Amino acid sequence: LKANHPTMRALNAQKAALVLQIKAEAASIASALETEARLDDTQIKLLQSQLGGSPVTASTPPVDAGALEAQATAQRAELDSLMDAYFGLRPGATTPATAAATTANLLSPLNLFVAGVAAIAALMFQIALTLRRRRQHREALDLALFESDLDLETVADPVPVSEPDLALRRAS
């Protein structure tokens, strides 16, 4: 099948839809991880506020919020670059708006028209095949009836006819 075949077009469209779905799931996982990190940060801040006046001992180093945020940003950038490399995209090209735009493009009037024409062509082809098979079956049945027909004039040797009988036959 070539790239312009309706089946290949449908498979390519399905592949693109699956890639978009995977991207959306990856984005939702990333946002869930980010939300979880924010919750962890708020819990840490709450615990720090509850400890409030307790002195920091030598066994527990002080937590630097700026360093943690820098580390989270670096990890987020690394995750984004890995996702871009996995999907073969340019860096920074993944946005939820492009997923919605691509889905909208799949249902464009031109795509719907092409799918409709392909469906009608497939139906017409099936009807033509059915009519051809019926005609071939009918012709085979006619041939079998013709071959089974025993016509006495063509099967038996003709009886010699005398001249007077021949004249009477011609007259009648």
Protein backbone atom coordinates (compact mmCIF):
# COMPACT_ATOMS: atom_id res chain seq x y z
CA LEU A 1 0.00 0.00 0.00
CA LYS A 2 1.26 3.44 -0.88
CA ALA A 3 1.13 6.50 1.36
CA ASN A 4 -1.92 7.91 -0.47
CA HIS A 5 -3.99 4.75 -0.01
CA PRO A 6 -7.04 5.37 2.20
CA THR A 7 -6.02 2.60 4.60
CA MET A 8 -2.55 4.07 5.00
CA ARG A 9 -4.02 7.54 5.50
CA ALA A 10 -6.31 6.18 8.20
CA LEU A 11 -3.43 4.36 9.90
CA ASN A 12 -1.25 7.48 9.79
CA ALA A 13 -4.08 9.55 11.26
CA GLN A 14 -4.57 6.94 13.98
CA LYS A 15 -0.84 6.97 14.70
CA ALA A 16 -0.86 10.76 14.98
CA ALA A 17 -3.85 10.61 17.31
CA LEU A 18 -2.05 8.06 19.52
CA VAL A 19 1.08 10.23 19.62
CA LEU A 20 -1.05 13.18 20.67
CA GLN A 21 -2.71 11.06 23.34
CA ILE A 22 0.70 9.95 24.64
CA LYS A 23 1.88 13.57 24.70
CA ALA A 24 -1.21 14.62 26.61
CA GLU A 25 -0.68 11.80 29.12
CA ALA A 26 2.98 12.75 29.52
CA ALA A 27 2.01 16.38 30.09
CA SER A 28 -0.59 15.36 32.66
CA ILE A 29 1.96 13.15 34.45
CA ALA A 30 4.46 15.99 34.47
CA SER A 31 1.86 18.41 35.84
CA ALA A 32 0.84 15.85 38.49
CA LEU A 33 4.48 15.48 39.53
CA GLU A 34 4.83 19.23 39.66
CA THR A 35 1.68 19.53 41.79
CA GLU A 36 2.98 16.82 44.10
CA ALA A 37 6.26 18.70 44.45
CA ARG A 38 4.34 21.87 45.35
CA LEU A 39 2.38 19.94 47.98
CA ASP A 40 5.62 18.58 49.39
CA ASP A 41 7.01 22.13 49.51
CA THR A 42 3.96 23.36 51.40
CA GLN A 43 4.19 20.46 53.84
CA ILE A 44 7.89 21.22 54.41
CA LYS A 45 7.09 24.88 55.01
CA LEU A 46 4.28 23.92 57.40
CA LEU A 47 6.61 21.64 59.35
CA GLN A 48 9.28 24.33 59.44
CA SER A 49 6.77 26.83 60.75
CA GLN A 50 5.64 24.36 63.41
CA LEU A 51 9.24 23.79 64.48
CA GLY A 52 9.64 27.55 64.39
CA GLY A 53 11.96 28.35 67.29
CA SER A 54 13.84 25.05 67.42
CA PRO A 55 17.55 25.51 66.79
CA VAL A 56 19.16 23.83 63.80
CA THR A 57 21.56 21.18 64.97
CA ALA A 58 24.71 20.04 63.31
CA SER A 59 23.11 16.74 62.27
CA THR A 60 20.38 18.46 60.20
CA PRO A 61 21.75 20.83 57.60
CA PRO A 62 19.62 23.89 56.82
CA VAL A 63 17.31 23.51 53.80
CA ASP A 64 17.97 26.08 51.11
CA ALA A 65 14.69 26.73 49.26
CA GLY A 66 16.48 28.41 46.37
CA ALA A 67 18.71 25.40 45.83
CA LEU A 68 15.71 23.05 45.90
CA GLU A 69 13.85 25.21 43.37
CA ALA A 70 16.91 25.31 41.11
CA GLN A 71 17.21 21.53 41.33
CA ALA A 72 13.47 21.12 40.53
CA THR A 73 13.82 23.46 37.55
CA ALA A 74 16.82 21.53 36.27
CA GLN A 75 14.98 18.24 36.61
CA ARG A 76 11.93 19.68 34.85
CA ALA A 77 14.13 20.89 31.96
CA GLU A 78 15.77 17.46 31.75
CA LEU A 79 12.35 15.76 31.69
CA ASP A 80 11.19 18.10 28.93
CA SER A 81 14.30 17.46 26.85
CA LEU A 82 13.90 13.68 27.27
CA MET A 83 10.24 13.86 26.24
CA ASP A 84 11.16 15.99 23.20
CA ALA A 85 13.88 13.53 22.23
CA TYR A 86 11.51 10.58 22.64
CA PHE A 87 8.84 12.11 20.44
CA GLY A 88 11.33 13.64 18.00
CA LEU A 89 10.20 17.22 18.55
CA ARG A 90 11.99 20.53 18.63
CA PRO A 91 12.69 21.73 22.16
CA GLY A 92 9.80 23.77 23.51
CA ALA A 93 7.41 22.68 20.76
CA THR A 94 5.05 20.73 23.03
CA THR A 95 2.03 22.75 23.97
CA PRO A 96 -1.49 21.60 24.75
CA ALA A 97 -2.81 24.02 22.11
CA THR A 98 -1.04 22.12 19.32
CA ALA A 99 -2.71 18.88 20.41
CA ALA A 100 -6.14 20.49 20.19
CA ALA A 101 -5.29 22.08 16.84
CA THR A 102 -4.13 18.75 15.40
CA THR A 103 -7.28 17.02 16.59
CA ALA A 104 -9.33 19.78 14.99
CA ASN A 105 -7.38 19.32 11.75
CA LEU A 106 -8.28 15.62 11.70
CA LEU A 107 -11.95 16.56 11.56
CA SER A 108 -11.57 19.25 8.92
CA PRO A 109 -14.10 19.29 6.07
CA LEU A 110 -11.45 18.18 3.60
CA ASN A 111 -10.52 15.12 5.67
CA LEU A 112 -14.19 14.24 6.15
CA PHE A 113 -14.78 14.61 2.41
CA VAL A 114 -11.84 12.33 1.58
CA ALA A 115 -13.05 9.73 4.07
CA GLY A 116 -16.56 9.91 2.59
CA VAL A 117 -15.29 9.51 -0.97
CA ALA A 118 -13.16 6.54 0.10
CA ALA A 119 -16.16 4.90 1.78
CA ILE A 120 -18.40 5.44 -1.26
CA ALA A 121 -15.68 4.09 -3.57
CA ALA A 122 -15.32 1.00 -1.40
CA LEU A 123 -19.08 0.41 -1.48
CA MET A 124 -19.24 0.85 -5.25
CA PHE A 125 -16.35 -1.58 -5.68
CA GLN A 126 -18.10 -4.19 -3.53
CA ILE A 127 -21.35 -3.76 -5.48
CA ALA A 128 -19.50 -4.10 -8.81
CA LEU A 129 -17.80 -7.30 -7.62
CA THR A 130 -21.12 -8.75 -6.49
CA LEU A 131 -22.80 -7.97 -9.82
CA ARG A 132 -19.88 -9.46 -11.74
CA ARG A 133 -20.01 -12.67 -9.71
CA ARG A 134 -23.76 -12.97 -10.28
CA ARG A 135 -23.33 -12.49 -14.04
CA GLN A 136 -20.54 -15.09 -14.18
CA HIS A 137 -22.66 -17.53 -12.20
CA ARG A 138 -25.64 -16.94 -14.54
CA GLU A 139 -23.45 -17.45 -17.63
CA ALA A 140 -22.04 -20.69 -16.20
CA LEU A 141 -25.56 -21.92 -15.48
CA ASP A 142 -26.69 -21.05 -19.04
CA LEU A 143 -23.68 -22.89 -20.47
CA ALA A 144 -24.41 -25.97 -18.36
CA LEU A 145 -28.07 -25.96 -19.51
CA PHE A 146 -26.96 -25.55 -23.13
CA GLU A 147 -24.55 -28.46 -22.89
CA SER A 148 -27.12 -30.68 -21.19
CA ASP A 149 -29.79 -29.97 -23.88
CA LEU A 150 -30.14 -32.90 -26.24
CA ASP A 151 -31.40 -31.67 -29.58
CA LEU A 152 -32.25 -34.67 -31.75
CA GLU A 153 -31.51 -32.88 -35.00
CA THR A 154 -27.95 -32.07 -33.97
CA VAL A 155 -27.22 -35.33 -32.13
CA ALA A 156 -28.56 -38.01 -34.49
CA ASP A 157 -27.30 -38.50 -38.02
CA PRO A 158 -29.67 -36.91 -40.46
CA VAL A 159 -31.87 -39.36 -42.33
CA PRO A 160 -31.41 -39.15 -46.07
CA VAL A 161 -34.43 -37.54 -47.60
CA SER A 162 -35.60 -38.36 -51.07
CA GLU A 163 -36.23 -35.73 -53.73
CA PRO A 164 -40.04 -35.75 -53.59
CA ASP A 165 -40.05 -35.51 -49.80
CA LEU A 166 -37.60 -32.66 -50.03
CA ALA A 167 -39.88 -30.77 -52.38
CA LEU A 168 -42.84 -31.27 -50.02
CA ARG A 169 -40.77 -30.03 -47.10
CA ARG A 170 -39.76 -26.94 -48.99
CA ALA A 171 -43.33 -26.23 -49.92
CA SER A 172 -44.58 -26.51 -46.38
